Amino acid sequence: MERATTCTELTLKGLPVEEVIVLAAALAHHTSLKSLIVTESEISGEAAEALAKVLAETLRGNSSVQLLNFYGDHMDDITLLAEAF
């Protein structure tokens, strides 16, 4: 948990849906996060909903976030993430 509170950059690649759900739950603890890059991952269904919800909450409580990058990800419904912002 201590690592999460001091982590400023997080780059992840190739996450399946199950791990995106775990990421969404963990992001609430990344209070110093400035950069989140997720590439070539499965962001769909329940994972997209969980990620969109936590990103909206995280961004409200963490004004230090400067970069969010979702590149080459498989997303069924991009509007869920767009609505988070």
Protein backbone atom coordinates (compact mmCIF):
# COMPACT_ATOMS: atom_id res chain seq x y z
CA MET A 1 0.00 0.00 0.00
CA GLU A 2 2.85 2.39 0.80
CA ARG A 3 4.24 2.00 -2.72
CA ALA A 4 0.89 2.99 -4.19
CA THR A 5 0.79 6.26 -2.29
CA THR A 6 4.25 7.29 -3.53
CA CYS A 7 3.99 6.03 -7.13
CA THR A 8 3.95 8.92 -9.62
CA GLU A 9 4.11 7.01 -12.93
CA LEU A 10 2.35 3.81 -13.92
CA THR A 11 2.81 2.15 -17.32
CA LEU A 12 1.04 -1.15 -18.01
CA LYS A 13 0.76 -3.24 -21.16
CA GLY A 14 -1.34 -6.19 -22.27
CA LEU A 15 -3.78 -6.39 -19.37
CA PRO A 16 -6.70 -8.81 -19.72
CA VAL A 17 -10.14 -7.68 -18.50
CA GLU A 18 -9.63 -9.23 -15.05
CA GLU A 19 -6.42 -7.25 -14.46
CA VAL A 20 -8.00 -4.00 -15.66
CA ILE A 21 -10.62 -4.51 -12.93
CA VAL A 22 -7.82 -4.98 -10.36
CA LEU A 23 -6.11 -1.84 -11.72
CA ALA A 24 -9.32 0.14 -11.31
CA ALA A 25 -9.57 -0.90 -7.65
CA ALA A 26 -5.90 -0.10 -7.03
CA LEU A 27 -5.98 3.37 -8.59
CA ALA A 28 -7.85 4.80 -5.62
CA HIS A 29 -4.70 4.22 -3.56
CA HIS A 30 -2.37 5.94 -6.06
CA THR A 31 -2.77 9.39 -4.55
CA SER A 32 0.46 10.81 -6.02
CA LEU A 33 -0.08 9.52 -9.55
CA LYS A 34 0.91 11.97 -12.29
CA SER A 35 1.02 9.66 -15.30
CA LEU A 36 -1.05 6.59 -16.22
CA ILE A 37 -0.32 4.77 -19.47
CA VAL A 38 -2.25 1.61 -20.34
CA THR A 39 -1.54 0.02 -23.73
CA GLU A 40 -2.77 -3.00 -25.65
CA SER A 41 -5.22 -3.98 -22.93
CA GLU A 42 -8.81 -5.29 -22.83
CA ILE A 43 -10.90 -2.40 -21.51
CA SER A 44 -14.46 -3.53 -22.02
CA GLY A 45 -17.65 -4.34 -20.15
CA GLU A 46 -17.23 -4.45 -16.39
CA ALA A 47 -13.57 -3.38 -16.68
CA ALA A 48 -14.48 -0.24 -18.64
CA GLU A 49 -17.19 0.66 -16.15
CA ALA A 50 -14.89 0.15 -13.16
CA LEU A 51 -12.06 2.11 -14.77
CA ALA A 52 -14.31 4.99 -15.82
CA LYS A 53 -15.77 5.26 -12.31
CA VAL A 54 -12.43 5.23 -10.52
CA LEU A 55 -10.83 7.65 -13.00
CA ALA A 56 -13.60 10.16 -12.43
CA GLU A 57 -13.25 9.83 -8.66
CA THR A 58 -9.44 9.84 -8.78
CA LEU A 59 -9.26 12.93 -10.94
CA ARG A 60 -11.56 14.81 -8.58
CA GLY A 61 -9.36 13.94 -5.61
CA ASN A 62 -5.94 14.03 -7.30
CA SER A 63 -5.13 17.23 -9.15
CA SER A 64 -1.55 16.07 -9.80
CA VAL A 65 -2.59 13.79 -12.71
CA GLN A 66 -1.05 15.27 -15.85
CA LEU A 67 -1.15 12.40 -18.36
CA LEU A 68 -3.67 9.66 -19.14
CA ASN A 69 -2.84 7.57 -22.18
CA PHE A 70 -4.82 4.58 -23.41
CA TYR A 71 -3.05 3.49 -26.59
CA GLY A 72 -3.86 0.46 -28.69
CA ASP A 73 -6.40 -0.80 -26.17
CA HIS A 74 -9.42 -2.88 -27.12
CA MET A 75 -12.36 -0.82 -25.90
CA ASP A 76 -15.95 -1.84 -26.55
CA ASP A 77 -17.42 1.44 -25.40
CA ILE A 78 -15.09 4.43 -25.38
CA THR A 79 -17.92 6.69 -24.20
CA LEU A 80 -17.68 5.24 -20.67
CA LEU A 81 -14.14 6.59 -20.33
CA ALA A 82 -14.97 9.85 -22.07
CA GLU A 83 -17.84 10.49 -19.67
CA ALA A 84 -15.42 10.16 -16.74
CA PHE A 85 -13.88 13.44 -17.80
